[in-house]
Amino acid sequence: MQSVWILILTCLNTGSGDWIGNEGYYWESSTNQISPLNFTYILISHLFKSFNLDFIAFNATFCLLATIFILFTILRFTKNCNMVISLWYIYPFIDNVVQKRAYYALGIIIVAMSLLFKKDLNLKNVIWFELITFIACQIHSMYFLYLTLPLFLLLNYKSQKYITIFGLVIGFALKNQIQILVNSVFGNAMNSKSDLYFNTLAATASLSHTVFWAIWQLSQLALILYINKNLNNNNFNKKLLSMNLWGILLIPLYSFNPVFTRAFRVILLFNYITVANSCELKQNRYFSLKTLGVISIELIFALASFYMFDINNDGLRQMIYPIFQNNILLN
């Protein structure tokens, strides 16, 4: 029932906060605009339009695929599926429905992430991960960051910690050079995006905002570290701890705008999974205090995220209500 409700709200959506921009991009895209950053998305858009299909059909198809990928990943890695989906409903479900291309790419890259949880991270898995991630990057360029993740995971845990600390220092020290680096790597293909992220959106940034989002990110690392030390210390959780360490390297980007937190949602799904996996009932059918504490912390995190991203700054009217008001079935 939870899965069906997700499919109804995502696939049958006909209007939301980012709908106009995404629909415009769909209709205006043409094969003359193909670049290394968007050729998959452009070609598929062109295919749909050649069959006279509108953006509603296009969005429904991609949302269906992304949702199926996410649901099967949850089913594959945990028996407590309903707990994972419940946390996912709180955050980032609303954002997924609204942001379209970020959600399409999220579903694809979550499939790739499953390869990294293999006990032995061999060359074959790394290559497949890079290929699938590159496809996701054709839909949303932010996921190019994930191409570096396998290299990070191949290092031992001690080296990962040093690189994380060093990367944070360098990231903040050279913060003003990030846009130059992005433009030099991707050329004109990223000019408009980099200007939006590093100039327009960054105009609202402040030190207090950066500190808040840093704590937001670090709280997840601390929770997974606690689970590893006190509840489950298995291969899955060890890999996930390293992924959360890698996620700390995203914090310098949050100093521009929390829009970059979208990249962390991939890891967040697996954090929800490991929280659900740590929940085992005692013989008297009660959770242990440690388990109850983990669930409570993750629930507070999800609720705080829901407030900051979806309710704050008139989000109810602009983001949440339109999802229910603009739906083929609910209308």
Protein backbone atom coordinates (compact mmCIF):
# COMPACT_ATOMS: atom_id res chain seq x y z
CA MET A 1 0.00 0.00 0.00
CA GLN A 2 2.88 2.37 0.74
CA SER A 3 4.45 1.58 -2.62
CA VAL A 4 1.18 2.15 -4.49
CA TRP A 5 0.75 5.53 -2.82
CA ILE A 6 4.28 6.53 -3.86
CA LEU A 7 3.50 5.54 -7.46
CA ILE A 8 0.24 7.50 -7.45
CA LEU A 9 1.81 10.72 -6.18
CA THR A 10 4.95 10.56 -8.34
CA CYS A 11 3.78 9.04 -11.62
CA LEU A 12 0.39 10.74 -11.86
CA ASN A 13 1.60 14.22 -10.95
CA THR A 14 0.55 16.95 -13.40
CA GLY A 15 1.96 20.05 -11.73
CA SER A 16 4.34 21.03 -8.93
CA GLY A 17 6.92 23.61 -7.93
CA ASP A 18 9.43 22.75 -10.67
CA TRP A 19 6.91 21.56 -13.25
CA ILE A 20 7.04 24.55 -15.60
CA GLY A 21 10.83 24.53 -15.84
CA ASN A 22 11.04 20.78 -16.42
CA GLU A 23 8.20 20.76 -18.92
CA GLY A 24 9.78 23.65 -20.80
CA TYR A 25 13.10 21.83 -20.91
CA TYR A 26 11.33 18.76 -22.31
CA TRP A 27 9.58 20.62 -25.14
CA GLU A 28 12.51 22.89 -26.01
CA SER A 29 15.15 20.15 -26.04
CA SER A 30 16.34 19.02 -29.46
CA THR A 31 19.07 16.84 -30.90
CA ASN A 32 20.92 20.05 -31.85
CA GLN A 33 21.51 20.70 -28.13
CA ILE A 34 23.20 17.38 -27.38
CA SER A 35 26.33 17.63 -25.23
CA PRO A 36 28.35 15.16 -23.11
CA LEU A 37 26.22 16.24 -20.13
CA ASN A 38 22.74 15.57 -21.47
CA PHE A 39 22.71 13.33 -24.54
CA THR A 40 20.79 10.46 -22.84
CA TYR A 41 18.05 12.77 -21.57
CA ILE A 42 17.81 14.66 -24.86
CA LEU A 43 17.59 11.51 -26.99
CA ILE A 44 14.90 9.95 -24.80
CA SER A 45 12.96 13.24 -24.79
CA HIS A 46 13.20 13.33 -28.57
CA LEU A 47 11.94 9.73 -28.77
CA PHE A 48 8.89 10.49 -26.62
CA LYS A 49 8.06 13.60 -28.62
CA SER A 50 8.34 11.65 -31.87
CA PHE A 51 5.38 9.58 -30.61
CA ASN A 52 3.49 12.78 -29.72
CA LEU A 53 3.71 12.04 -25.99
CA ASP A 54 3.47 14.99 -23.63
CA PHE A 55 5.55 15.71 -20.51
CA ILE A 56 2.97 14.03 -18.27
CA ALA A 57 3.60 10.69 -20.02
CA PHE A 58 7.35 11.28 -20.04
CA ASN A 59 7.41 12.12 -16.32
CA ALA A 60 5.17 9.16 -15.44
CA THR A 61 7.49 6.74 -17.26
CA PHE A 62 10.67 8.00 -15.63
CA CYS A 63 9.05 8.22 -12.19
CA LEU A 64 7.79 4.65 -12.55
CA LEU A 65 11.28 3.38 -13.34
CA ALA A 66 12.96 5.42 -10.58
CA THR A 67 10.40 4.31 -7.99
CA ILE A 68 10.69 0.65 -8.96
CA PHE A 69 14.49 0.83 -8.69
CA ILE A 70 14.23 2.39 -5.23
CA LEU A 71 11.58 -0.02 -3.96
CA PHE A 72 13.45 -3.10 -5.16
CA THR A 73 16.64 -1.80 -3.52
CA ILE A 74 14.77 -1.42 -0.22
CA LEU A 75 13.30 -4.91 -0.61
CA ARG A 76 16.73 -6.34 -1.42
CA PHE A 77 18.59 -4.94 1.58
CA THR A 78 16.04 -5.03 4.43
CA LYS A 79 13.13 -7.02 5.79
CA ASN A 80 11.78 -3.91 7.53
CA CYS A 81 10.67 -2.27 4.28
CA ASN A 82 7.81 -0.32 5.80
CA MET A 83 10.11 1.51 8.22
CA VAL A 84 12.43 2.60 5.40
CA ILE A 85 9.54 3.79 3.23
CA SER A 86 7.97 5.62 6.18
CA LEU A 87 11.18 7.56 6.79
CA TRP A 88 11.49 8.15 3.03
CA TYR A 89 7.95 9.54 3.00
CA ILE A 90 8.89 12.16 5.59
CA TYR A 91 12.03 13.19 3.70
CA PRO A 92 12.88 13.45 0.81
CA PHE A 93 9.65 12.20 -0.81
CA ILE A 94 8.09 15.63 -1.44
CA ASP A 95 11.33 16.89 -2.99
CA ASN A 96 11.50 13.82 -5.23
CA VAL A 97 8.04 14.49 -6.64
CA VAL A 98 8.81 18.17 -7.21
CA GLN A 99 12.33 18.06 -8.63
CA LYS A 100 11.75 15.58 -11.48
CA ARG A 101 15.17 15.10 -13.16
CA ALA A 102 16.93 14.78 -9.80
CA TYR A 103 14.52 11.96 -8.97
CA TYR A 104 14.94 10.19 -12.31
CA ALA A 105 18.71 10.19 -11.82
CA LEU A 106 18.37 9.20 -8.16
CA GLY A 107 16.63 5.95 -9.09
CA ILE A 108 19.37 5.06 -11.58
CA ILE A 109 22.29 5.81 -9.30
CA ILE A 110 20.74 3.83 -6.44
CA VAL A 111 20.97 0.78 -8.71
CA ALA A 112 24.66 1.57 -9.22
CA MET A 113 25.20 1.99 -5.47
CA SER A 114 24.04 -1.57 -4.87
CA LEU A 115 27.18 -2.77 -6.67
CA LEU A 116 29.42 -1.05 -4.13
CA PHE A 117 28.04 -3.12 -1.26
CA LYS A 118 29.55 -6.30 -2.66
CA LYS A 119 31.94 -7.85 -0.15
CA ASP A 120 34.81 -7.61 -2.62
CA LEU A 121 34.80 -4.36 -4.58
CA ASN A 122 36.43 -5.67 -7.76
CA LEU A 123 37.24 -3.90 -11.01
CA LYS A 124 34.14 -5.27 -12.74
CA ASN A 125 31.79 -3.76 -10.15
CA VAL A 126 33.63 -0.44 -10.25
CA ILE A 127 33.37 -0.26 -14.04
CA TRP A 128 29.65 -1.06 -13.97
CA PHE A 129 29.13 1.52 -11.24
CA GLU A 130 30.90 4.19 -13.29
CA LEU A 131 28.89 3.36 -16.42
CA ILE A 132 25.51 3.41 -14.66
CA THR A 133 26.43 6.57 -12.75
CA PHE A 134 27.48 8.25 -15.99
CA ILE A 135 24.00 7.52 -17.38
CA ALA A 136 22.46 9.14 -14.29
CA CYS A 137 24.74 12.15 -14.86
CA GLN A 138 23.17 12.60 -18.30
CA ILE A 139 19.89 13.29 -16.54
CA HIS A 140 21.18 15.40 -13.66
CA SER A 141 24.75 16.69 -13.70
CA MET A 142 25.06 16.91 -9.90
CA TYR A 143 25.64 13.16 -9.72
CA PHE A 144 29.03 13.51 -11.42
CA LEU A 145 30.32 13.81 -7.85
CA TYR A 146 29.60 10.09 -7.36
CA LEU A 147 32.14 9.06 -9.98
CA THR A 148 34.81 9.56 -7.28
CA LEU A 149 33.12 7.34 -4.68
CA PRO A 150 34.59 3.94 -5.71
CA LEU A 151 38.12 5.36 -5.54
CA PHE A 152 37.39 6.54 -2.00
CA LEU A 153 36.02 3.12 -0.98
CA LEU A 154 39.13 1.32 -2.27
CA LEU A 155 41.19 3.08 0.41
CA ASN A 156 41.48 1.75 3.96
CA TYR A 157 39.38 3.39 6.66
CA LYS A 158 42.29 5.30 8.18
CA SER A 159 43.19 6.84 4.81
CA GLN A 160 39.52 7.70 4.23
CA LYS A 161 39.45 9.70 7.47
CA TYR A 162 42.60 11.64 6.56
CA ILE A 163 41.31 12.40 3.06
CA THR A 164 37.98 13.58 4.48
CA ILE A 165 39.67 16.01 6.87
CA PHE A 166 42.13 17.19 4.21
CA GLY A 167 39.33 17.52 1.64
CA LEU A 168 37.23 19.65 3.99
CA VAL A 169 40.12 22.02 4.65
CA ILE A 170 41.00 22.32 0.96
CA GLY A 171 37.33 22.64 -0.01
CA PHE A 172 36.75 25.63 2.25
CA ALA A 173 40.15 27.19 1.54
CA LEU A 174 39.63 27.06 -2.24
CA LYS A 175 35.87 27.59 -2.16
CA ASN A 176 36.01 30.55 -4.51
CA GLN A 177 37.83 28.46 -7.11
CA ILE A 178 35.19 25.73 -7.35
CA GLN A 179 33.15 27.48 -10.02
CA ILE A 180 36.29 28.08 -12.09
CA LEU A 181 37.19 24.40 -11.77
CA VAL A 182 33.70 23.27 -12.82
CA ASN A 183 33.70 25.55 -15.86
CA SER A 184 37.18 24.46 -16.90
CA VAL A 185 36.25 20.75 -16.69
CA PHE A 186 32.83 20.92 -18.35
CA GLY A 187 33.25 24.01 -20.52
CA ASN A 188 30.23 25.93 -21.79
CA ALA A 189 27.91 23.00 -21.09
CA MET A 190 27.80 23.91 -17.38
CA ASN A 191 28.00 27.71 -17.52
CA SER A 192 24.33 28.38 -16.80
CA LYS A 193 24.15 25.75 -14.06
CA SER A 194 27.33 26.87 -12.34
CA ASP A 195 26.19 30.49 -12.47
CA LEU A 196 22.88 29.48 -10.86
CA TYR A 197 24.47 27.40 -8.08
CA PHE A 198 27.59 29.43 -7.32
CA ASN A 199 26.28 32.97 -7.88
CA THR A 200 22.49 33.34 -7.88
CA LEU A 201 21.66 30.80 -5.15
CA ALA A 202 24.86 31.55 -3.23
CA ALA A 203 23.69 35.15 -2.71
CA THR A 204 21.54 33.94 0.22
CA ALA A 205 24.35 31.97 1.90
CA SER A 206 25.67 32.79 5.36
CA LEU A 207 27.99 31.30 7.96
CA SER A 208 25.06 30.23 10.15
CA HIS A 209 23.49 28.39 7.20
CA THR A 210 26.77 26.59 6.48
CA VAL A 211 27.12 25.52 10.12
CA PHE A 212 23.54 24.24 10.19
CA TRP A 213 23.94 22.13 7.05
CA ALA A 214 27.30 20.84 8.24
CA ILE A 215 25.67 19.62 11.47
CA TRP A 216 22.83 18.18 9.36
CA GLN A 217 25.37 16.12 7.41
CA LEU A 218 27.55 15.15 10.38
CA SER A 219 24.54 13.87 12.33
CA GLN A 220 24.11 11.06 9.80
CA LEU A 221 27.78 10.10 9.99
CA ALA A 222 27.57 10.02 13.81
CA LEU A 223 24.44 7.83 13.72
CA ILE A 224 25.95 5.26 11.34
CA LEU A 225 29.15 5.25 13.41
CA TYR A 226 27.09 4.54 16.53
CA ILE A 227 25.23 1.68 14.82
CA ASN A 228 28.54 0.16 13.71
CA LYS A 229 29.99 0.27 17.22
CA ASN A 230 26.93 -0.76 19.23
CA LEU A 231 24.44 -2.66 17.06
CA ASN A 232 25.53 -4.13 13.72
CA ASN A 233 29.13 -4.23 12.54
CA ASN A 234 28.68 -6.05 9.24
CA ASN A 235 30.06 -5.51 5.73
CA PHE A 236 27.05 -3.43 4.66
CA ASN A 237 27.39 -1.02 7.57
CA LYS A 238 31.16 -0.73 7.19
CA LYS A 239 30.74 0.26 3.54
CA LEU A 240 27.95 2.66 4.47
CA LEU A 241 30.12 4.31 7.12
CA SER A 242 32.77 4.97 4.47
CA MET A 243 30.10 6.39 2.14
CA ASN A 244 28.97 8.78 4.87
CA LEU A 245 32.59 9.82 5.37
CA TRP A 246 32.80 10.57 1.66
CA GLY A 247 29.57 12.54 2.02
CA ILE A 248 31.31 14.91 4.44
CA LEU A 249 33.34 16.16 1.46
CA LEU A 250 30.10 17.71 0.16
CA ILE A 251 29.91 20.18 3.06
CA PRO A 252 31.98 22.96 1.39
CA LEU A 253 29.35 22.98 -1.37
CA TYR A 254 26.63 23.60 1.22
CA SER A 255 28.27 26.95 1.94
CA PHE A 256 26.87 28.08 -1.42
CA ASN A 257 23.38 26.63 -1.07
CA PRO A 258 21.68 23.53 0.44
CA VAL A 259 20.60 22.56 -3.10
CA PHE A 260 23.76 20.42 -3.08
CA THR A 261 22.26 18.23 -0.33
CA ARG A 262 20.34 16.52 -3.13
CA ALA A 263 23.50 14.54 -3.82
CA PHE A 264 23.42 13.06 -0.31
CA ARG A 265 19.92 11.61 -0.73
CA VAL A 266 21.42 8.55 -2.44
CA ILE A 267 23.36 7.65 0.71
CA LEU A 268 20.45 8.69 2.91
CA LEU A 269 18.27 5.88 1.54
CA PHE A 270 20.89 3.34 2.62
CA ASN A 271 21.14 5.06 6.01
CA TYR A 272 17.42 4.49 6.45
CA ILE A 273 17.95 0.86 5.47
CA THR A 274 20.66 0.29 8.06
CA VAL A 275 18.52 1.97 10.73
CA ALA A 276 15.70 -0.43 9.85
CA ASN A 277 18.09 -3.39 9.89
CA SER A 278 19.27 -2.47 13.38
CA CYS A 279 15.72 -2.80 14.73
CA GLU A 280 15.34 -6.24 16.25
CA LEU A 281 12.66 -7.03 18.80
CA LYS A 282 13.71 -8.56 22.11
CA GLN A 283 12.00 -11.69 23.42
CA ASN A 284 9.43 -9.57 25.25
CA ARG A 285 8.57 -7.93 21.87
CA TYR A 286 10.08 -4.58 22.81
CA PHE A 287 12.93 -2.69 21.18
CA SER A 288 16.12 -2.26 23.17
CA LEU A 289 16.92 1.26 24.37
CA LYS A 290 19.78 1.49 21.86
CA THR A 291 17.48 0.53 18.99
CA LEU A 292 14.77 2.91 20.16
CA GLY A 293 17.36 5.69 20.37
CA VAL A 294 18.55 5.08 16.81
CA ILE A 295 14.99 5.10 15.45
CA SER A 296 14.17 8.29 17.37
CA ILE A 297 17.26 10.13 16.14
CA GLU A 298 16.63 9.22 12.51
CA LEU A 299 12.97 10.19 12.86
CA ILE A 300 13.95 13.59 14.31
CA PHE A 301 16.43 14.04 11.45
CA ALA A 302 13.76 13.21 8.85
CA LEU A 303 11.21 15.55 10.46
CA ALA A 304 13.75 18.39 10.73
CA SER A 305 14.68 17.89 7.06
CA PHE A 306 11.01 17.87 6.07
CA TYR A 307 10.50 21.17 7.87
CA MET A 308 13.59 22.89 6.46
CA PHE A 309 13.15 21.74 2.86
CA ASP A 310 9.39 21.40 2.46
CA ILE A 311 7.52 23.55 5.01
CA ASN A 312 9.87 26.45 5.70
CA ASN A 313 9.46 29.59 3.53
CA ASP A 314 5.86 28.91 2.49
CA GLY A 315 6.65 25.37 1.36
CA LEU A 316 3.19 24.06 2.20
CA ARG A 317 1.56 26.29 -0.42
CA GLN A 318 4.34 26.15 -3.00
CA MET A 319 5.53 22.53 -2.75
CA ILE A 320 3.24 20.22 -0.79
CA TYR A 321 -0.32 21.27 -1.66
CA PRO A 322 0.29 21.34 -5.45
CA ILE A 323 1.31 17.67 -5.38
CA PHE A 324 -2.16 16.69 -4.16
CA GLN A 325 -4.00 19.33 -6.16
CA ASN A 326 -2.36 18.39 -9.48
CA ASN A 327 -2.76 14.65 -9.94
CA ILE A 328 -4.57 12.64 -12.61
CA LEU A 329 -6.22 10.30 -10.10
CA LEU A 330 -6.74 12.63 -7.13
CA ASN A 331 -8.30 15.33 -9.30
